[in-house]
Amino acid sequence: MRKKISVALLSGGTSSERDISLKGGDYVFSALDKNKYNVVRYDPQTDIPRLFADASEIDVALVILHGANGEDGTVQGLLDLLHIPYQCSGPLGSAVAMNKLASKRLYEAVGIRVPAYMWVNRNSPVDITRYVERIGMPMVVKPASSGSSIGMSIVREENGLPKALENAFAFDETVLIEEYISGVEITGAVIGNNTLEALPIVEIVPQSHHEYFDFTAKYTAGETREICPARISEAFTKQARELACKAHQALFCKGCSRTDMILCQDRIYVLETNTIPGMTSASLLPLAAKTRGMTFGQLLDRLVELGLERRQADIEKGRDI
């Protein structure tokens, strides 16, 4: 009888997105084929010592963590030290994708179009007039390193900017002030390490009472329509899929990613890339995979394969893992 693959399923953690991570972990655990996998769950908030103790028995990890100390490369670095391969980007790709300022600079370096932006540090003098002159109204204010639209605001009047900055600084030392682009919200998922596959593009349509695809719209059933494939032309679909792959490579991503974009008139703007896309029943990567013809279980099988593929690549390079 074939030996089961030992999978460490990491979810929970200590960030503001802990509850979403736990829900994703529950969904993944229920879908993993227990005839193929021996699955053990670990919550980094409490189970790091147990992960250390079990490391030699773990074949691969599925990291279903979001936000600080989960999606930013810290856990990925720990797994590298423990010689446990995993399905998502490594410390470098995770860190630069988590930091929206760093990712924008890398996007621009390879010719990816992004909204106009500037950044402000917590201890910088506040110059409202300068921000408005450079970016214009309306504008988007958000923490440089945060997910799920936490701490984000759309500012339509100058007197709303101080409060928006205060909200964003509650989550990060650096805040982005970004041009607001109105258009069709789309997202493109990519799976693969070296050979990439772009999945069908998803169109995101929040209910009209949401100003944007905020936390409630993301995670509350019925608050958003996710349409896959997106209702955009074949030419824009091709361009969006190419941009998703280009963003994945620009940020040194591995395994899987999902890049959020806006189609405005005849231009696509890239907003950000998620290195650990959501894995709940309402998440966009599973929807794109389903449209591609993959069940959720098959998607998880593929992610496990990608983690193990990286283990084999390291062995071939002579690394001790």
Foldseek 3Di string as FASTA:
>chain_A
DDDAAEEEEEAQEDDPCRVLRVQLSVLLVVLADPVRYDYDYDYVVPCPVVCLVCLVVHAAYEQSYFFPPGQQQNVLVVNVVSLHFYQFFHNQLSNQQQQQVSLVVLCVVVPAAAFDKDKDFQPDDDDLVVLCVRQNPFKKKAARGHDQCQLIDTRGDSVCVVVSNVSRVVRHRMMMIGHDADAWKKKWKWFAAPDIDIFAIKTKAFDPVDPDCHNCNQPPPPRIDIDPNDPDDPVVRVVRSVVNVVSCVSSNMHNMKMWIWGCHPPDIHTRGMGRNFRRHPRTDVQVRVVVVVDHSNRSVVSSRVRRSVVSVVCVVVVHDD
